[in-house]
C-alpha atoms as a PDB file:
ATOM      1  CA  MET A   1     102.179 105.610 106.141  1.00  0.00           C
ATOM      2  CA  ARG A   2     104.296 108.629 105.358  1.00  0.00           C
ATOM      3  CA  ARG A   3     101.960 111.368 106.590  1.00  0.00           C
ATOM      4  CA  PRO A   4     102.504 114.836 105.085  1.00  0.00           C
ATOM      5  CA  LEU A   5     103.264 116.947 108.136  1.00  0.00           C
ATOM      6  CA  VAL A   6     103.898 114.615 111.065  1.00  0.00           C
ATOM      7  CA  GLY A   7     107.656 114.457 111.352  1.00  0.00           C
ATOM      8  CA  ALA A   8     108.031 116.104 107.964  1.00  0.00           C
ATOM      9  CA  LEU A   9     110.545 118.728 109.041  1.00  0.00           C
ATOM     10  CA  THR A  10     113.140 116.215 110.201  1.00  0.00           C
ATOM     11  CA  THR A  11     114.389 113.031 108.647  1.00  0.00           C
ATOM     12  CA  VAL A  12     114.018 109.709 110.409  1.00  0.00           C
ATOM     13  CA  LEU A  13     117.021 108.268 112.257  1.00  0.00           C
ATOM     14  CA  LEU A  14     118.546 105.374 110.393  1.00  0.00           C
ATOM     15  CA  THR A  15     119.491 103.049 113.217  1.00  0.00           C
ATOM     16  CA  GLY A  16     119.122  99.788 111.349  1.00  0.00           C
ATOM     17  CA  ALA A  17     117.809  98.056 114.509  1.00  0.00           C
ATOM     18  CA  THR A  18     116.104  94.754 113.787  1.00  0.00           C
ATOM     19  CA  VAL A  19     114.049  92.178 115.655  1.00  0.00           C
ATOM     20  CA  GLY A  20     113.566  88.641 114.380  1.00  0.00           C
ATOM     21  CA  VAL A  21     115.005  87.241 111.180  1.00  0.00           C
ATOM     22  CA  GLY A  22     115.875  88.992 107.918  1.00  0.00           C
ATOM     23  CA  THR A  23     113.973  88.653 104.680  1.00  0.00           C
ATOM     24  CA  THR A  24     114.943  88.849 101.050  1.00  0.00           C
ATOM     25  CA  THR A  25     118.083  90.894 100.403  1.00  0.00           C
ATOM     26  CA  ALA A  26     119.048  92.025  96.956  1.00  0.00           C
ATOM     27  CA  THR A  27     121.867  90.869  94.788  1.00  0.00           C
ATOM     28  CA  ALA A  28     123.275  93.282  92.278  1.00  0.00           C
ATOM     29  CA  ALA A  29     121.156  93.816  89.205  1.00  0.00           C
ATOM     30  CA  PRO A  30     122.752  94.226  85.788  1.00  0.00           C
ATOM     31  CA  GLN A  31     123.485  97.882  85.118  1.00  0.00           C
ATOM     32  CA  GLY A  32     122.772  99.569  81.808  1.00  0.00           C
ATOM     33  CA  ARG A  33     122.953 103.160  80.693  1.00  0.00           C
ATOM     34  CA  VAL A  34     121.655 105.369  83.492  1.00  0.00           C
ATOM     35  CA  LYS A  35     118.652 107.545  82.594  1.00  0.00           C
ATOM     36  CA  ALA A  36     118.521 111.117  83.811  1.00  0.00           C
ATOM     37  CA  VAL A  37     115.799 111.440  86.441  1.00  0.00           C
ATOM     38  CA  ASP A  38     114.289 114.829  87.292  1.00  0.00           C
ATOM     39  CA  PHE A  39     110.948 116.294  88.400  1.00  0.00           C
ATOM     40  CA  ALA A  40     109.264 116.523  84.987  1.00  0.00           C
ATOM     41  CA  GLY A  41     105.926 114.717  85.139  1.00  0.00           C
ATOM     42  CA  THR A  42     105.747 114.602  88.924  1.00  0.00           C
ATOM     43  CA  VAL A  43     102.999 116.410  90.815  1.00  0.00           C
ATOM     44  CA  ALA A  44     102.480 117.960  94.228  1.00  0.00           C
ATOM     45  CA  LEU A  45      99.208 117.346  96.042  1.00  0.00           C
ATOM     46  CA  SER A  46      97.886 119.282  99.016  1.00  0.00           C
ATOM     47  CA  ASN A  47      99.268 116.640 101.355  1.00  0.00           C
ATOM     48  CA  CYS A  48     101.348 114.188  99.324  1.00  0.00           C
ATOM     49  CA  SER A  49     103.447 113.588  96.213  1.00  0.00           C
ATOM     50  CA  GLY A  50     102.444 111.874  92.987  1.00  0.00           C
ATOM     51  CA  SER A  51     103.030 111.532  89.266  1.00  0.00           C
ATOM     52  CA  LEU A  52     101.366 112.033  85.920  1.00  0.00           C
ATOM     53  CA  ILE A  53     101.493 108.395  84.881  1.00  0.00           C
ATOM     54  CA  ARG A  54     101.104 106.610  81.574  1.00  0.00           C
ATOM     55  CA  MET A  55     100.285 102.907  81.259  1.00  0.00           C
ATOM     56  CA  PRO A  56     101.977 100.701  78.652  1.00  0.00           C
ATOM     57  CA  SER A  57      98.657 100.627  76.761  1.00  0.00           C
ATOM     58  CA  SER A  58      97.871 104.342  77.078  1.00  0.00           C
ATOM     59  CA  ALA A  59      97.316 106.444  73.946  1.00  0.00           C
ATOM     60  CA  ASP A  60      98.059 110.146  73.515  1.00  0.00           C
ATOM     61  CA  GLY A  61      94.346 110.928  73.301  1.00  0.00           C
ATOM     62  CA  ASP A  62      93.418 109.091  76.503  1.00  0.00           C
ATOM     63  CA  PRO A  63      92.369 111.034  79.590  1.00  0.00           C
ATOM     64  CA  ALA A  64      95.531 111.317  81.666  1.00  0.00           C
ATOM     65  CA  LEU A  65      96.015 109.629  85.033  1.00  0.00           C
ATOM     66  CA  VAL A  66      97.685 110.830  88.229  1.00  0.00           C
ATOM     67  CA  MET A  67      99.006 108.216  90.650  1.00  0.00           C
ATOM     68  CA  THR A  68      99.519 108.653  94.380  1.00  0.00           C
ATOM     69  CA  ASN A  69      98.977 106.556  97.517  1.00  0.00           C
ATOM     70  CA  GLY A  70      95.667 105.178  98.694  1.00  0.00           C
ATOM     71  CA  HIS A  71      96.314 106.855 102.029  1.00  0.00           C
ATOM     72  CA  CYS A  72      96.569 110.233 100.250  1.00  0.00           C
ATOM     73  CA  LEU A  73      92.917 110.046  99.183  1.00  0.00           C
ATOM     74  CA  GLU A  74      91.119 113.298 100.027  1.00  0.00           C
ATOM     75  CA  THR A  75      88.246 111.435 101.710  1.00  0.00           C
ATOM     76  CA  GLY A  76      90.541 109.641 104.160  1.00  0.00           C
ATOM     77  CA  PHE A  77      92.235 106.265 104.440  1.00  0.00           C
ATOM     78  CA  PRO A  78      90.353 103.404 102.750  1.00  0.00           C
ATOM     79  CA  GLY A  79      89.662 100.738 105.343  1.00  0.00           C
ATOM     80  CA  PRO A  80      91.132  97.236 105.212  1.00  0.00           C
ATOM     81  CA  GLY A  81      89.479  95.413 102.317  1.00  0.00           C
ATOM     82  CA  GLU A  82      87.927  98.609 100.947  1.00  0.00           C
ATOM     83  CA  VAL A  83      88.213  99.340  97.230  1.00  0.00           C
ATOM     84  CA  ILE A  84      86.960 102.601  95.708  1.00  0.00           C
ATOM     85  CA  THR A  85      86.180 102.914  91.996  1.00  0.00           C
ATOM     86  CA  ASP A  86      84.715 105.673  89.825  1.00  0.00           C
ATOM     87  CA  GLN A  87      84.228 108.142  92.685  1.00  0.00           C
ATOM     88  CA  PRO A  88      83.708 111.774  91.556  1.00  0.00           C
ATOM     89  CA  SER A  89      86.595 114.082  92.430  1.00  0.00           C
ATOM     90  CA  SER A  90      87.677 117.608  91.554  1.00  0.00           C
ATOM     91  CA  ARG A  91      91.073 117.396  93.253  1.00  0.00           C
ATOM     92  CA  THR A  92      93.873 119.522  91.831  1.00  0.00           C
ATOM     93  CA  PHE A  93      97.555 118.760  91.302  1.00  0.00           C
ATOM     94  CA  SER A  94     100.548 121.021  90.676  1.00  0.00           C
ATOM     95  CA  LEU A  95     102.399 119.726  87.617  1.00  0.00           C
ATOM     96  CA  LEU A  96     106.175 120.200  87.800  1.00  0.00           C
ATOM     97  CA  ASN A  97     108.853 120.614  85.137  1.00  0.00           C
ATOM     98  CA  SER A  98     112.377 119.196  85.201  1.00  0.00           C
ATOM     99  CA  SER A  99     113.636 121.813  87.677  1.00  0.00           C
ATOM    100  CA  ALA A 100     110.622 121.395  90.014  1.00  0.00           C
ATOM    101  CA  GLY A 101     108.924 124.583  88.835  1.00  0.00           C
ATOM    102  CA  LYS A 102     105.132 124.543  88.730  1.00  0.00           C
ATOM    103  CA  VAL A 103     103.892 124.779  85.144  1.00  0.00           C
ATOM    104  CA  ALA A 104     100.190 123.996  85.510  1.00  0.00           C
ATOM    105  CA  THR A 105      97.323 123.020  87.758  1.00  0.00           C
ATOM    106  CA  LEU A 106      95.747 119.744  86.685  1.00  0.00           C
ATOM    107  CA  ARG A 107      92.247 118.726  87.785  1.00  0.00           C
ATOM    108  CA  ALA A 108      90.668 115.339  88.363  1.00  0.00           C
ATOM    109  CA  VAL A 109      87.184 114.323  87.334  1.00  0.00           C
ATOM    110  CA  LYS A 110      87.134 111.100  89.341  1.00  0.00           C
ATOM    111  CA  VAL A 111      88.999 108.598  91.450  1.00  0.00           C
ATOM    112  CA  SER A 112      89.333 105.725  89.010  1.00  0.00           C
ATOM    113  CA  TYR A 113      90.700 103.359  91.648  1.00  0.00           C
ATOM    114  CA  ALA A 114      91.882 103.522  95.259  1.00  0.00           C
ATOM    115  CA  THR A 115      92.752 100.979  97.934  1.00  0.00           C
ATOM    116  CA  MET A 116      95.103 100.299 100.816  1.00  0.00           C
ATOM    117  CA  THR A 117      94.624  96.536 100.592  1.00  0.00           C
ATOM    118  CA  ASP A 118      97.531  94.476  99.176  1.00  0.00           C
ATOM    119  CA  THR A 119      98.931  97.739  97.800  1.00  0.00           C
ATOM    120  CA  ASP A 120      98.597 101.469  98.566  1.00  0.00           C
ATOM    121  CA  VAL A 121      97.466 103.354  95.478  1.00  0.00           C
ATOM    122  CA  THR A 122      95.036 105.935  94.137  1.00  0.00           C
ATOM    123  CA  LEU A 123      94.588 106.583  90.423  1.00  0.00           C
ATOM    124  CA  TYR A 124      92.859 109.834  89.449  1.00  0.00           C
ATOM    125  CA  GLN A 125      91.454 110.445  85.963  1.00  0.00           C
ATOM    126  CA  LEU A 126      92.007 114.008  84.751  1.00  0.00           C
ATOM    127  CA  ASN A 127      89.887 116.282  82.567  1.00  0.00           C
ATOM    128  CA  THR A 128      92.751 116.571  80.050  1.00  0.00           C
ATOM    129  CA  THR A 129      94.544 114.120  77.789  1.00  0.00           C
ATOM    130  CA  TYR A 130      98.253 113.340  77.608  1.00  0.00           C
ATOM    131  CA  ALA A 131      98.401 115.077  74.228  1.00  0.00           C
ATOM    132  CA  GLN A 132      96.777 118.240  75.590  1.00  0.00           C
ATOM    133  CA  ILE A 133      99.177 118.367  78.547  1.00  0.00           C
ATOM    134  CA  LYS A 134     102.166 117.862  76.258  1.00  0.00           C
ATOM    135  CA  GLN A 135     100.971 120.536  73.819  1.00  0.00           C
ATOM    136  CA  ARG A 136     100.114 123.128  76.474  1.00  0.00           C
ATOM    137  CA  TYR A 137     102.940 122.624  78.961  1.00  0.00           C
ATOM    138  CA  GLY A 138     105.631 120.565  77.228  1.00  0.00           C
ATOM    139  CA  ILE A 139     105.466 117.839  79.875  1.00  0.00           C
ATOM    140  CA  SER A 140     105.253 114.129  79.133  1.00  0.00           C
ATOM    141  CA  ALA A 141     103.836 111.601  81.580  1.00  0.00           C
ATOM    142  CA  LEU A 142     106.101 109.141  83.348  1.00  0.00           C
ATOM    143  CA  SER A 143     105.870 105.595  82.025  1.00  0.00           C
ATOM    144  CA  LEU A 144     104.759 102.719  84.256  1.00  0.00           C
ATOM    145  CA  SER A 145     106.840  99.575  83.899  1.00  0.00           C
ATOM    146  CA  ALA A 146     104.934  96.342  83.325  1.00  0.00           C
ATOM    147  CA  ASP A 147     107.852  94.354  84.790  1.00  0.00           C
ATOM    148  CA  HIS A 148     108.629  93.405  88.377  1.00  0.00           C
ATOM    149  CA  PRO A 149     111.472  95.583  89.736  1.00  0.00           C
ATOM    150  CA  ALA A 150     114.907  93.980  89.958  1.00  0.00           C
ATOM    151  CA  ALA A 151     116.693  93.403  93.227  1.00  0.00           C
ATOM    152  CA  GLY A 152     119.757  95.597  93.581  1.00  0.00           C
ATOM    153  CA  SER A 153     118.671  98.057  90.916  1.00  0.00           C
ATOM    154  CA  ALA A 154     119.450 101.743  91.353  1.00  0.00           C
ATOM    155  CA  ILE A 155     116.285 103.735  92.024  1.00  0.00           C
ATOM    156  CA  LYS A 156     115.228 107.297  92.719  1.00  0.00           C
ATOM    157  CA  VAL A 157     112.238 108.428  94.769  1.00  0.00           C
ATOM    158  CA  VAL A 158     111.025 111.752  93.358  1.00  0.00           C
ATOM    159  CA  SER A 159     108.915 113.859  95.728  1.00  0.00           C
ATOM    160  CA  GLY A 160     106.896 116.643  94.116  1.00  0.00           C
ATOM    161  CA  TYR A 161     105.671 117.805  97.532  1.00  0.00           C
ATOM    162  CA  TRP A 162     109.179 118.494  98.879  1.00  0.00           C
ATOM    163  CA  LYS A 163     110.849 118.941  95.471  1.00  0.00           C
ATOM    164  CA  LYS A 164     113.504 116.466  96.534  1.00  0.00           C
ATOM    165  CA  ILE A 165     114.976 113.359  94.926  1.00  0.00           C
ATOM    166  CA  TYR A 166     116.210 110.446  97.056  1.00  0.00           C
ATOM    167  CA  SER A 167     118.731 108.000  95.577  1.00  0.00           C
ATOM    168  CA  CYS A 168     119.278 104.412  96.739  1.00  0.00           C
ATOM    169  CA  ASN A 169     118.883 100.792  95.629  1.00  0.00           C
ATOM    170  CA  ALA A 170     116.179  98.166  95.839  1.00  0.00           C
ATOM    171  CA  ASP A 171     117.437  96.315  98.911  1.00  0.00           C
ATOM    172  CA  GLY A 172     114.969  93.456  98.598  1.00  0.00           C
ATOM    173  CA  PHE A 173     111.329  92.437  98.603  1.00  0.00           C
ATOM    174  CA  VAL A 174     109.038  91.792 101.544  1.00  0.00           C
ATOM    175  CA  TYR A 175     106.516  88.933 101.465  1.00  0.00           C
ATOM    176  CA  ARG A 176     104.062  90.879 103.627  1.00  0.00           C
ATOM    177  CA  LEU A 177     104.426  94.377 105.057  1.00  0.00           C
ATOM    178  CA  GLN A 178     102.047  94.994 107.946  1.00  0.00           C
ATOM    179  CA  GLU A 179     101.164  98.406 109.371  1.00  0.00           C
ATOM    180  CA  GLY A 180      98.305  98.789 111.808  1.00  0.00           C
ATOM    181  CA  ASP A 181      95.206  97.281 110.187  1.00  0.00           C
ATOM    182  CA  TRP A 182      96.709  97.185 106.687  1.00  0.00           C
ATOM    183  CA  THR A 183      98.789  94.514 104.947  1.00  0.00           C
ATOM    184  CA  TRP A 184     100.681  94.954 101.679  1.00  0.00           C
ATOM    185  CA  LYS A 185     102.074  92.217  99.452  1.00  0.00           C
ATOM    186  CA  ASP A 186     105.537  91.937  97.871  1.00  0.00           C
ATOM    187  CA  SER A 187     106.678  95.391  98.993  1.00  0.00           C
ATOM    188  CA  LEU A 188     109.988  96.914  97.911  1.00  0.00           C
ATOM    189  CA  ARG A 189     112.467  97.744 100.683  1.00  0.00           C
ATOM    190  CA  TYR A 190     114.972 100.576 100.148  1.00  0.00           C
ATOM    191  CA  THR A 191     118.598 100.712 101.171  1.00  0.00           C
ATOM    192  CA  PRO A 192     119.049 103.308 103.970  1.00  0.00           C
ATOM    193  CA  SER A 193     119.911 106.334 101.823  1.00  0.00           C
ATOM    194  CA  CYS A 194     116.266 106.677 100.737  1.00  0.00           C
ATOM    195  CA  ASN A 195     115.366 108.206 104.096  1.00  0.00           C
ATOM    196  CA  THR A 196     111.971 109.467 102.962  1.00  0.00           C
ATOM    197  CA  ILE A 197     109.830 111.628 105.258  1.00  0.00           C
ATOM    198  CA  GLY A 198     106.251 112.819 105.626  1.00  0.00           C
ATOM    199  CA  GLY A 199     104.958 114.376 102.411  1.00  0.00           C
ATOM    200  CA  THR A 200     106.865 111.953 100.181  1.00  0.00           C
ATOM    201  CA  SER A 201     103.878 109.584 100.184  1.00  0.00           C
ATOM    202  CA  GLY A 202     102.874 108.757  96.633  1.00  0.00           C
ATOM    203  CA  SER A 203     106.228 109.658  95.100  1.00  0.00           C
ATOM    204  CA  PRO A 204     107.088 107.615  92.002  1.00  0.00           C
ATOM    205  CA  VAL A 205     109.987 105.204  92.413  1.00  0.00           C
ATOM    206  CA  ILE A 206     111.973 105.274  89.175  1.00  0.00           C
ATOM    207  CA  ASP A 207     114.436 102.662  87.947  1.00  0.00           C
ATOM    208  CA  VAL A 208     117.373 104.743  86.749  1.00  0.00           C
ATOM    209  CA  ASN A 209     118.345 102.158  84.115  1.00  0.00           C
ATOM    210  CA  THR A 210     114.976 102.247  82.342  1.00  0.00           C
ATOM    211  CA  GLY A 211     113.567 105.608  83.431  1.00  0.00           C
ATOM    212  CA  LYS A 212     110.255 103.877  84.210  1.00  0.00           C
ATOM    213  CA  VAL A 213     108.174 103.858  87.374  1.00  0.00           C
ATOM    214  CA  VAL A 214     108.441 100.536  89.205  1.00  0.00           C
ATOM    215  CA  ALA A 215     106.840 101.377  92.568  1.00  0.00           C
ATOM    216  CA  ILE A 216     105.150 104.042  94.662  1.00  0.00           C
ATOM    217  CA  ASN A 217     106.696 105.277  97.903  1.00  0.00           C
ATOM    218  CA  ASN A 218     104.425 104.759 100.904  1.00  0.00           C
ATOM    219  CA  THR A 219     105.873 104.115 104.363  1.00  0.00           C
ATOM    220  CA  GLY A 220     108.751 103.617 106.771  1.00  0.00           C
ATOM    221  CA  ASN A 221     109.392 102.472 110.326  1.00  0.00           C
ATOM    222  CA  GLU A 222     109.880 105.644 112.357  1.00  0.00           C
ATOM    223  CA  ASN A 223     110.183 104.549 115.986  1.00  0.00           C
ATOM    224  CA  GLY A 224     111.116 100.863 115.969  1.00  0.00           C
ATOM    225  CA  GLU A 225     107.652  99.775 117.044  1.00  0.00           C
ATOM    226  CA  ARG A 226     106.235  96.483 115.815  1.00  0.00           C
ATOM    227  CA  CYS A 227     103.512  96.598 113.128  1.00  0.00           C
ATOM    228  CA  THR A 228     101.873  99.838 114.344  1.00  0.00           C
ATOM    229  CA  GLU A 229     100.880 102.875 112.276  1.00  0.00           C
ATOM    230  CA  ASN A 230     104.020 104.582 110.909  1.00  0.00           C
ATOM    231  CA  ASN A 231     105.994 101.546 112.096  1.00  0.00           C
ATOM    232  CA  PRO A 232     105.471  98.766 109.557  1.00  0.00           C
ATOM    233  CA  CYS A 233     106.974  95.330 110.145  1.00  0.00           C
ATOM    234  CA  GLU A 234     108.083  92.686 107.684  1.00  0.00           C
ATOM    235  CA  VAL A 235     106.397  89.271 107.853  1.00  0.00           C
ATOM    236  CA  ASP A 236     107.888  86.330 105.960  1.00  0.00           C
ATOM    237  CA  GLU A 237     106.194  83.194 104.610  1.00  0.00           C
ATOM    238  CA  ASN A 238     106.611  81.457 107.995  1.00  0.00           C
ATOM    239  CA  GLY A 239     105.135  84.312 109.999  1.00  0.00           C
ATOM    240  CA  GLN A 240     108.485  85.528 111.307  1.00  0.00           C
ATOM    241  CA  VAL A 241     108.477  89.258 112.001  1.00  0.00           C
ATOM    242  CA  THR A 242     111.333  91.696 111.329  1.00  0.00           C
ATOM    243  CA  VAL A 243     111.364  95.312 112.493  1.00  0.00           C
ATOM    244  CA  ARG A 244     113.785  97.694 110.750  1.00  0.00           C
ATOM    245  CA  GLN A 245     113.724 101.099 112.393  1.00  0.00           C
ATOM    246  CA  GLY A 246     114.447 103.930 109.947  1.00  0.00           C
ATOM    247  CA  ILE A 247     114.026 101.773 106.844  1.00  0.00           C
ATOM    248  CA  ASN A 248     111.500 102.789 104.204  1.00  0.00           C
ATOM    249  CA  TYR A 249     109.330 100.993 101.683  1.00  0.00           C
ATOM    250  CA  ALA A 250     107.367 101.247  98.446  1.00  0.00           C
ATOM    251  CA  GLU A 251     104.589  99.251  96.816  1.00  0.00           C
ATOM    252  CA  GLU A 252     105.265  97.729  93.407  1.00  0.00           C
ATOM    253  CA  THR A 253     103.129  99.000  90.541  1.00  0.00           C
ATOM    254  CA  TYR A 254     103.749  96.606  87.636  1.00  0.00           C
ATOM    255  CA  GLY A 255     100.496  94.734  88.314  1.00  0.00           C
ATOM    256  CA  ILE A 256      98.414  97.847  87.683  1.00  0.00           C
ATOM    257  CA  ALA A 257      99.178  97.635  83.968  1.00  0.00           C
ATOM    258  CA  LYS A 258      97.212  94.372  83.694  1.00  0.00           C
ATOM    259  CA  CYS A 259      94.086  96.097  84.998  1.00  0.00           C
ATOM    260  CA  VAL A 260      93.878  98.963  82.482  1.00  0.00           C
ATOM    261  CA  ALA A 261      91.761  98.615  79.343  1.00  0.00           C
ATOM    262  CA  PRO A 262      91.884 100.842  76.232  1.00  0.00           C
ATOM    263  CA  GLY A 263      91.016 104.441  77.021  1.00  0.00           C
ATOM    264  CA  ASN A 264      92.792 104.224  80.405  1.00  0.00           C
ATOM    265  CA  LYS A 265      89.727 102.551  81.905  1.00  0.00           C
ATOM    266  CA  ILE A 266      90.312 100.479  85.020  1.00  0.00           C
ATOM    267  CA  ASP A 267      88.906  97.004  84.343  1.00  0.00           C
ATOM    268  CA  LEU A 268      89.380  94.634  87.268  1.00  0.00           C
ATOM    269  CA  SER A 269      87.962  91.721  85.242  1.00  0.00           C
ATOM    270  CA  LEU A 270      90.847  91.667  82.764  1.00  0.00           C
ATOM    271  CA  PRO A 271      92.919  88.453  82.590  1.00  0.00           C
ATOM    272  CA  GLY A 272      95.857  88.619  84.976  1.00  0.00           C
ATOM    273  CA  CYS A 273      94.480  91.580  86.942  1.00  0.00           C
ATOM    274  CA  ASP A 274      95.176  90.901  90.609  1.00  0.00           C
ATOM    275  CA  LEU A 275      94.256  94.279  92.106  1.00  0.00           C
ATOM    276  CA  PRO A 276      91.717  93.939  94.928  1.00  0.00           C
ATOM    277  CA  LYS A 277      88.125  94.241  93.797  1.00  0.00           C
ATOM    278  CA  PRO A 278      85.151  95.883  95.534  1.00  0.00           C
ATOM    279  CA  THR A 279      82.998  93.584  97.606  1.00  0.00           C
ATOM    280  CA  GLU A 280      79.627  92.627  96.130  1.00  0.00           C
ATOM    281  CA  GLU A 281      77.915  94.878  98.675  1.00  0.00           C
ATOM    282  CA  ALA A 282      80.087  97.854  97.745  1.00  0.00           C
ATOM    283  CA  ALA A 283      79.642  97.192  94.029  1.00  0.00           C
ATOM    284  CA  ALA A 284      75.863  97.155  94.476  1.00  0.00           C
ATOM    285  CA  ARG A 285      75.982 100.579  96.119  1.00  0.00           C
ATOM    286  CA  SER A 286      78.086 102.114  93.325  1.00  0.00           C
END
């Protein structure tokens, strides 16, 4: 996980060292008109980055959502297999404009969804709507793509915490990305120029051809270790392990769209929703 302060003042060394066999590598994606990407709609958290995010089904009058990593949750890392829903929260977020200036403080009313299983995401519901934010501050939410990202596509990782934009390409997709006790599915691997650091956790990954969010930045292999915390490893369908020191990763977000009902309500029972669900024991306690 890209922790906010550990190693945050220096970038990781991009050695490209590998162990084992390679996994999926991108081929060039068709290029269209490039969209301008800036900081408008991104947010800074106390320890991470994030974005004011709009689902394909969201309406202007819906309570707005902020998206960041599961490991940025204020109550600590969710454990393997743990899923958190509808947890009260009063967390605040600094909303940024196009030039990374703070224009407002947004406030959550609850954690709508959070997990570090299969993916690494937290969705906060705010006490304001998209329309209210647009009217008061002139900022529109970023749009979440409902499509799987394309290999080779040009992307930008936009960190509200550091007020920095990283530019690279989608190098390929990883069957399983393992880090410590956590495993993520179908992760997106960056080309080396996205040398993200601590504090960039939760940054939206934007496809520059569509201007939409296709993933959420979450980790990178710092020291060349194998499958340890801050040193994720790639595992292919045959169990072969690859270690890529200095290479960074994101978790795809297109599947989230299938789990959001009208009113921006997370509904894990919707057809096609594959987000992890709370265990029966956890659901009974909620």
